[in-house]
Amino acid sequence: MLRRLSHARARHRLIRPASRAVSAAPAPAPTAITPPAAPPLSAADLELLLRRGHYSFSTHRFHSLLPLLSHPSVLLSSALHLSRRAHPSLPTPPQPPPATVAAAAAALSSPSSHLRLLLPSRLKGKPLPLPTLPLRLAMRCAASALDAVFAPRAATFAYRGRHAAIRYLRSIPSASWFFRVAIPRQRFGPRHVRRLLDAISGKVDDPGFLEYLNELFVSDAVAFELGGCELGRGLPQESELTATLVNIFFDPVDRELMAVREEVHKKNPRMKDDSVLHTPVRVYAVRYLDDILVVTSGSKMLTIEIRDRIIAVLERDLEVKVDRLGSSVHSAVSEKIEFLGIEFQAVPPSVLHPPMSEKAKRARKKYLKMKAEKAQEMKNARETRRKKLGLKIVNHLFKRVRRGEEFQFDFQIENEVRQVFKDWAVETVAEYFKSQEHCQYWHRLLTSGDFLSLTRVRDQLPPALVDSYDKFQETLDRFLMPKRGHDMVEEEERLAEEEDEKEYEKRTVEDLTELKMRANVPIELVRKAVKLAGFTNSMGRPRPIKLLLCLDDADIIKWYAGVGRRWLDFFCCCRNFKMVKTVVSYHLRFSCFLTLAEKHECTKRQAISHFTKDLKVENDDGVAEVHFPTEREIKMMGDKNLSDPKPVDGALTMILVRLAVDDTSYPCLAHFCAKTDTVLYRIRLLQNRLNIDPLNENKWVHGLSAIHESLNKKCLPLCSMHASDLLLGKITLQDIDCTQFVDVE
């Protein structure tokens, strides 16, 4: 590594960012850099660069920012300007000396001069090169420019967010076969960089910009592995350019998948006759960075042919090694496949939406009956209040009329009053005749003892009168003839049976003709991660984590809350989300109680009595705050999270240990924070504490990434706000300047 960095310094080249343009014009010769008279970058620009996505950042803003990023004086003044806007109470900092500005400007001409090597605590460990803040801003600008060129041409199934990809997979109908392209862990080496730069040069005619990207790879400012599980997880070893470059690199695979889908869809068109049940052959694909999943609703031979074509593109065009055995085709109905940390399987619709049991039906009927009774009581109460109010108004008006007073109105309300009373009368009559007892009573009064029903009397009467009487009796029987209780029960049972038969018929047809994708949490991996992190013992019961005893009560609760909320946010779109709720609500909550009880040398009951079950803790102002999700909040959680949260890996595998150091003059290492009232924290990584290699899946959790070991036992000063955000998982180590760690023995 050191040899490579020295070699990069030796072949130093001056790259002028201002001369890079996405055009066919040749790049001008490099010239000396003179600091431009430009104003500081605005807060919106810097926040957009470091904390937001790239799609909203246009190419002309990239070219306007790169000259400014080449001059540390402008960059430093912009960062301090942002910090003063965020914290107006801070004093105005002095300008950097000219010698420092000139040295920094010369260093920025090469990416290798803005890298810091973090040495691991183990002798056999590998060092980690990390870019400084100016270089990170430059890489953000480069990513924004590349996204502006390549993002509009990207395939629709190349997702930037995990939840969007998972929701698309859940909507796939009638899946028959699927396979996941298994890429073994391999370094993104020179042959891959050559392919990547060739792809970029096809759209960006700028030799200076391409040379700058090549320098980033040569100096290891951008270094990652394909087939691993560290991409897109907010870990500090991941670069800002990684996601953009991976998407550009896998663009030939996306084009091949689009061609395959178009061929299959042309050969199997959808029938226009709705009366015929027809499921056409379709090909669905999802790619998130270097993870590729293909789902088909056709035959197994078709799926194997598609897999061979994709593997051929990867091996021939991209020179990527593929594990053919791991890329085997699986049945979507009888087998499960893991993708993006979630298990997928095609199941009948009745599995996702099972019919109600008899007990549930009885409970629902009881609930609806109670609801109707409550609504009727409220309605009767309203009618009673209206009646009393109406009687009071009529009594008042009657008294005034008796005294001889006259009423004068500017408008006529006779029509409105007439309509109100008419509607009231119709509603009252309709409600009255809904009762079977009232109908039976009036039917008995109107039909009993009528002499017109006698034959000898009917013969002596005019036919018109007899016909009118018969019609009256028919109308009376139709509206007021009471049904017997037995007949009514039989009618209700018959209608209920017919409805159940229709539902059963519909459900059976759907189960025989449709398949829906089910997304499940790999609960065994979650339990293994809970046990590995020390939340539970060998029996699966909660236990304290003694490494957290040196933290404040609020920091202990915030760390548990950060892990729990990340799990809840990430798995909220899964079918068995209830299992994750149990893990967070029981195992993590009571492990936190036991940790607090161990710290204060009290019992668990006393800790629960003091902090309550919601883990309330007072802040510096004496106000009670709740950081850990409450039981009611967890119960109401569901698939309503539209953002794409970071996985739990960075929060679960890292513990911040507070140091008892008197010197607190270190500035906060969070980006654009100039606070000096800080607290020192030491990073303790899970793999180093347990002495486990994260690449060993027998001892480590499959799919769980780990922070680079060179960050273990490093000390970072943080202000109270950013320390709280880091513990709660609102920010990651990518939002911290990891090149400015403090050495504390």
Foldseek 3Di string as FASTA:
>chain_A
DVVLLVVLVVPFDFFQLLQFDQDQDAGDDDDDQDQDPDAADALVLVCCLQPHDQAVPELVVLSVCRSQLLFVQSPVVNLLVNQCVVPVPDDDDDGDDPVVRVVSSVLSRAQSSQWFWQDFPDPPADIAIEGFPSVLSNLSSVLNHLCNQCVVVADPQADQFPVVNVVVQQPDKQWWKKWKWQFAKDWCDPLLLVLLLVLVCVRGVYVSSSVNVVSCVSSVNAIDIARAQPPPFFFRSHGPNQQSSLRSSCRVLVVLLVVLQVVQCVVWPDDPDPVDQDDTWGKDWHHYRRIIMITINDDPVSVVVSVVVSVCCCCPSNVGDTDVVNRDMDTQAPDWDDDPQWIKHWAFVCVLVPDDDPVRVVVVVVVVVVVVVVVVVVVVVVVVVVVVVVVVVVVVVVVCVVVVDDDDDPDDCPVVVVVVVVVVVVVVVVVQLVDLVSLQVVLCVVPPPDPCVDPVVVVPDDPVVNVVVVVVNVVSCVRRVHDDPVVVVVVVVVVVVVVVVVVVVVSVVRRVRMIGMAIARPVVLVLLLCVLLQQADPVSAGAEDQLCLQDDLLLLQLLLQQLLVLQCLQCQAHSVSVSSLCCSLHSSQQRSLNNVCVNVVHDSVVSCVVLPSQRWDADPVRDTDRRHDHNVRSVPGHPPDPDRARHSQQSSFKDWRWDDDPDQQDAAQFRSHGDSRWTKTFIAGSCVVVVHDCVPCVNHRPSRDTHRSSSHRWIGIHHPVVSSCPSNVVHGCSRGRVSPTDDDD
